[in-house]
Amino acid sequence: MSKAPPPEGYDENPEWTKADFARAKPAGDVLPAAVAAALVKNKGGRPAGSNKEQVALRIDKDVVQHFRDGGAGWQSRMNEALRKAAGLR
């Protein structure tokens, strides 16, 4: 089954002009509330109430590489090793 070519001059994803931006409205103004709410992106980050603190820490490259070589979750494994070394586990 072949697809017919688009009409001449048709652009599936044209670049917006100033006029396009002037006509644009926020999604919440033109879509049903449930649809607009589904489009809201999760801001990400750590959940509220976390007991974690972001710090800048200089660690030898070979030590960091050792944990990274273990794959995903290397920061949690490093945290667990630090807790153990500090006598917190």
N, C-alpha and C. Protein backbone atom coordinates (compact mmCIF):
# COMPACT_ATOMS: atom_id res chain seq x y z
N MET A 1 0.84 -1.18 0.00
CA MET A 1 0.00 0.00 0.00
C MET A 1 0.88 1.24 0.00
N SER A 2 0.75 2.07 -0.95
CA SER A 2 1.58 3.28 -1.00
C SER A 2 0.76 4.48 -0.54
N LYS A 3 1.45 5.39 0.04
CA LYS A 3 0.82 6.61 0.54
C LYS A 3 0.94 7.70 -0.52
N ALA A 4 -0.13 8.39 -0.76
CA ALA A 4 -0.11 9.46 -1.75
C ALA A 4 0.78 10.60 -1.25
N PRO A 5 1.51 11.22 -2.13
CA PRO A 5 2.37 12.34 -1.71
C PRO A 5 1.52 13.52 -1.26
N PRO A 6 2.05 14.32 -0.34
CA PRO A 6 1.30 15.49 0.13
C PRO A 6 1.13 16.50 -0.99
N PRO A 7 0.11 17.35 -0.88
CA PRO A 7 -0.08 18.39 -1.89
C PRO A 7 1.12 19.32 -1.96
N GLU A 8 1.33 19.90 -3.10
CA GLU A 8 2.45 20.82 -3.28
C GLU A 8 2.34 21.99 -2.30
N GLY A 9 3.46 22.32 -1.68
CA GLY A 9 3.47 23.43 -0.74
C GLY A 9 3.09 23.03 0.68
N TYR A 10 2.67 21.77 0.89
CA TYR A 10 2.26 21.31 2.23
C TYR A 10 3.50 21.06 3.07
N ASP A 11 3.48 21.53 4.30
CA ASP A 11 4.57 21.31 5.23
C ASP A 11 3.96 20.79 6.52
N GLU A 12 4.29 19.58 6.90
CA GLU A 12 3.70 18.96 8.08
C GLU A 12 4.08 19.69 9.37
N ASN A 13 5.23 20.29 9.38
CA ASN A 13 5.70 20.96 10.59
C ASN A 13 6.32 22.31 10.22
N PRO A 14 5.49 23.27 9.83
CA PRO A 14 6.05 24.56 9.39
C PRO A 14 6.60 25.36 10.57
N GLU A 15 7.58 26.20 10.29
CA GLU A 15 8.12 27.09 11.30
C GLU A 15 7.08 28.16 11.62
N TRP A 16 6.91 28.44 12.91
CA TRP A 16 5.91 29.43 13.31
C TRP A 16 6.37 30.84 12.94
N THR A 17 5.39 31.64 12.54
CA THR A 17 5.65 33.05 12.23
C THR A 17 5.24 33.89 13.44
N LYS A 18 5.53 35.18 13.39
CA LYS A 18 5.08 36.07 14.46
C LYS A 18 3.57 36.05 14.58
N ALA A 19 2.87 35.96 13.43
CA ALA A 19 1.41 35.91 13.44
C ALA A 19 0.91 34.64 14.14
N ASP A 20 1.58 33.51 13.92
CA ASP A 20 1.21 32.26 14.59
C ASP A 20 1.33 32.42 16.11
N PHE A 21 2.45 32.99 16.55
CA PHE A 21 2.65 33.18 17.99
C PHE A 21 1.61 34.15 18.56
N ALA A 22 1.24 35.16 17.80
CA ALA A 22 0.26 36.14 18.27
C ALA A 22 -1.11 35.49 18.45
N ARG A 23 -1.45 34.51 17.61
CA ARG A 23 -2.74 33.82 17.70
C ARG A 23 -2.76 32.72 18.75
N ALA A 24 -1.61 32.26 19.17
CA ALA A 24 -1.52 31.13 20.10
C ALA A 24 -2.15 31.46 21.45
N LYS A 25 -2.75 30.44 22.05
CA LYS A 25 -3.37 30.57 23.37
C LYS A 25 -2.84 29.46 24.28
N PRO A 26 -2.85 29.67 25.58
CA PRO A 26 -2.42 28.63 26.50
C PRO A 26 -3.32 27.39 26.39
N ALA A 27 -2.73 26.21 26.58
CA ALA A 27 -3.49 24.96 26.46
C ALA A 27 -4.71 24.96 27.36
N GLY A 28 -4.58 25.52 28.56
CA GLY A 28 -5.70 25.53 29.51
C GLY A 28 -6.89 26.35 29.02
N ASP A 29 -6.64 27.27 28.06
CA ASP A 29 -7.73 28.09 27.54
C ASP A 29 -8.50 27.41 26.42
N VAL A 30 -7.91 26.41 25.77
CA VAL A 30 -8.56 25.82 24.59
C VAL A 30 -8.83 24.33 24.72
N LEU A 31 -8.27 23.66 25.71
CA LEU A 31 -8.47 22.22 25.88
C LEU A 31 -9.32 21.94 27.12
N PRO A 32 -10.00 20.79 27.15
CA PRO A 32 -10.71 20.41 28.37
C PRO A 32 -9.72 20.32 29.53
N ALA A 33 -10.18 20.61 30.74
CA ALA A 33 -9.30 20.66 31.91
C ALA A 33 -8.50 19.37 32.09
N ALA A 34 -9.14 18.22 31.89
CA ALA A 34 -8.44 16.94 32.09
C ALA A 34 -7.30 16.78 31.09
N VAL A 35 -7.51 17.21 29.86
CA VAL A 35 -6.47 17.09 28.84
C VAL A 35 -5.32 18.06 29.16
N ALA A 36 -5.65 19.28 29.50
CA ALA A 36 -4.62 20.28 29.83
C ALA A 36 -3.81 19.81 31.03
N ALA A 37 -4.46 19.21 32.04
CA ALA A 37 -3.76 18.73 33.23
C ALA A 37 -2.80 17.59 32.87
N ALA A 38 -3.19 16.75 31.91
CA ALA A 38 -2.34 15.63 31.51
C ALA A 38 -1.08 16.12 30.79
N LEU A 39 -1.13 17.32 30.23
CA LEU A 39 0.02 17.86 29.52
C LEU A 39 1.05 18.49 30.43
N VAL A 40 0.68 18.77 31.67
CA VAL A 40 1.59 19.40 32.61
C VAL A 40 2.70 18.42 32.93
N LYS A 41 3.94 18.83 32.71
CA LYS A 41 5.06 17.95 32.94
C LYS A 41 5.43 17.91 34.41
N ASN A 42 5.89 16.75 34.83
CA ASN A 42 6.43 16.60 36.17
C ASN A 42 7.70 17.43 36.25
N LYS A 43 7.83 18.23 37.27
CA LYS A 43 9.01 19.07 37.41
C LYS A 43 10.23 18.26 37.84
N GLY A 44 10.02 17.03 38.22
CA GLY A 44 11.13 16.18 38.59
C GLY A 44 11.75 16.58 39.92
N GLY A 45 12.93 16.12 40.13
CA GLY A 45 13.60 16.43 41.38
C GLY A 45 13.20 15.47 42.49
N ARG A 46 13.80 15.66 43.61
CA ARG A 46 13.56 14.80 44.75
C ARG A 46 12.22 15.17 45.39
N PRO A 47 11.46 14.16 45.84
CA PRO A 47 10.17 14.44 46.48
C PRO A 47 10.34 15.33 47.71
N ALA A 48 9.33 16.12 47.99
CA ALA A 48 9.36 16.99 49.17
C ALA A 48 9.53 16.14 50.42
N GLY A 49 10.24 16.65 51.37
CA GLY A 49 10.42 15.94 52.64
C GLY A 49 11.60 14.97 52.62
N SER A 50 12.39 14.98 51.57
CA SER A 50 13.54 14.09 51.47
C SER A 50 14.60 14.51 52.50
N ASN A 51 15.31 13.53 53.00
CA ASN A 51 16.38 13.85 53.96
C ASN A 51 17.74 13.95 53.26
N LYS A 52 17.72 14.10 51.94
CA LYS A 52 18.96 14.21 51.17
C LYS A 52 19.36 15.67 51.03
N GLU A 53 20.66 15.89 50.94
CA GLU A 53 21.19 17.24 50.74
C GLU A 53 22.22 17.19 49.62
N GLN A 54 22.10 18.08 48.66
CA GLN A 54 23.06 18.14 47.57
C GLN A 54 24.28 18.91 48.05
N VAL A 55 25.45 18.30 47.85
CA VAL A 55 26.71 18.94 48.25
C VAL A 55 27.73 18.80 47.14
N ALA A 56 28.72 19.67 47.15
CA ALA A 56 29.86 19.55 46.24
C ALA A 56 30.96 18.86 47.03
N LEU A 57 31.50 17.79 46.47
CA LEU A 57 32.47 16.98 47.20
C LEU A 57 33.55 16.51 46.22
N ARG A 58 34.79 16.69 46.58
CA ARG A 58 35.88 16.25 45.70
C ARG A 58 36.32 14.85 46.14
N ILE A 59 36.18 13.90 45.23
CA ILE A 59 36.52 12.50 45.51
C ILE A 59 37.49 12.03 44.43
N ASP A 60 38.45 11.21 44.81
CA ASP A 60 39.42 10.69 43.85
C ASP A 60 38.70 10.04 42.67
N LYS A 61 39.25 10.26 41.47
CA LYS A 61 38.63 9.75 40.24
C LYS A 61 38.46 8.24 40.26
N ASP A 62 39.47 7.52 40.77
CA ASP A 62 39.37 6.06 40.76
C ASP A 62 38.27 5.56 41.69
N VAL A 63 38.02 6.27 42.78
CA VAL A 63 36.95 5.88 43.70
C VAL A 63 35.59 6.09 43.03
N VAL A 64 35.39 7.24 42.40
CA VAL A 64 34.13 7.51 41.70
C VAL A 64 33.94 6.49 40.58
N GLN A 65 35.01 6.21 39.83
CA GLN A 65 34.91 5.26 38.72
C GLN A 65 34.53 3.87 39.21
N HIS A 66 35.04 3.48 40.37
CA HIS A 66 34.71 2.18 40.95
C HIS A 66 33.19 2.06 41.14
N PHE A 67 32.57 3.09 41.68
CA PHE A 67 31.12 3.05 41.90
C PHE A 67 30.36 3.16 40.58
N ARG A 68 30.81 4.01 39.67
CA ARG A 68 30.15 4.15 38.36
C ARG A 68 30.21 2.86 37.56
N ASP A 69 31.30 2.13 37.69
CA ASP A 69 31.44 0.86 36.97
C ASP A 69 30.37 -0.14 37.38
N GLY A 70 29.77 0.06 38.53
CA GLY A 70 28.70 -0.83 38.99
C GLY A 70 27.37 -0.56 38.31
N GLY A 71 27.30 0.48 37.48
CA GLY A 71 26.08 0.77 36.73
C GLY A 71 25.14 1.70 37.48
N ALA A 72 23.89 1.71 37.01
CA ALA A 72 22.87 2.59 37.58
C ALA A 72 22.76 2.37 39.09
N GLY A 73 22.51 3.45 39.80
CA GLY A 73 22.39 3.39 41.25
C GLY A 73 23.71 3.58 41.97
N TRP A 74 24.73 4.01 41.21
CA TRP A 74 26.06 4.13 41.82
C TRP A 74 26.09 5.16 42.94
N GLN A 75 25.29 6.22 42.82
CA GLN A 75 25.30 7.24 43.87
C GLN A 75 24.68 6.70 45.16
N SER A 76 23.64 5.90 45.02
CA SER A 76 23.03 5.28 46.21
C SER A 76 23.99 4.30 46.86
N ARG A 77 24.72 3.53 46.04
CA ARG A 77 25.71 2.60 46.60
C ARG A 77 26.83 3.35 47.31
N MET A 78 27.24 4.48 46.73
CA MET A 78 28.28 5.28 47.37
C MET A 78 27.76 5.84 48.70
N ASN A 79 26.52 6.29 48.71
CA ASN A 79 25.92 6.81 49.95
C ASN A 79 25.89 5.71 51.01
N GLU A 80 25.52 4.50 50.61
CA GLU A 80 25.45 3.39 51.56
C GLU A 80 26.84 3.07 52.11
N ALA A 81 27.87 3.12 51.26
CA ALA A 81 29.24 2.86 51.72
C ALA A 81 29.68 3.94 52.72
N LEU A 82 29.31 5.18 52.46
CA LEU A 82 29.65 6.27 53.38
C LEU A 82 28.92 6.11 54.71
N ARG A 83 27.65 5.70 54.66
CA ARG A 83 26.89 5.48 55.89
C ARG A 83 27.56 4.36 56.73
N LYS A 84 27.95 3.30 56.05
CA LYS A 84 28.60 2.19 56.74
C LYS A 84 29.92 2.63 57.36
N ALA A 85 30.73 3.39 56.60
CA ALA A 85 32.02 3.89 57.11
C ALA A 85 31.83 4.83 58.30
N ALA A 86 30.73 5.57 58.30
CA ALA A 86 30.45 6.50 59.39
C ALA A 86 29.78 5.82 60.58
N GLY A 87 29.50 4.52 60.46
CA GLY A 87 28.85 3.79 61.55
C GLY A 87 27.38 4.10 61.67
N LEU A 88 26.76 4.51 60.58
CA LEU A 88 25.34 4.85 60.62
C LEU A 88 24.45 3.69 60.17
N ARG A 89 25.04 2.58 59.79
CA ARG A 89 24.26 1.38 59.40
C ARG A 89 24.90 0.16 59.98
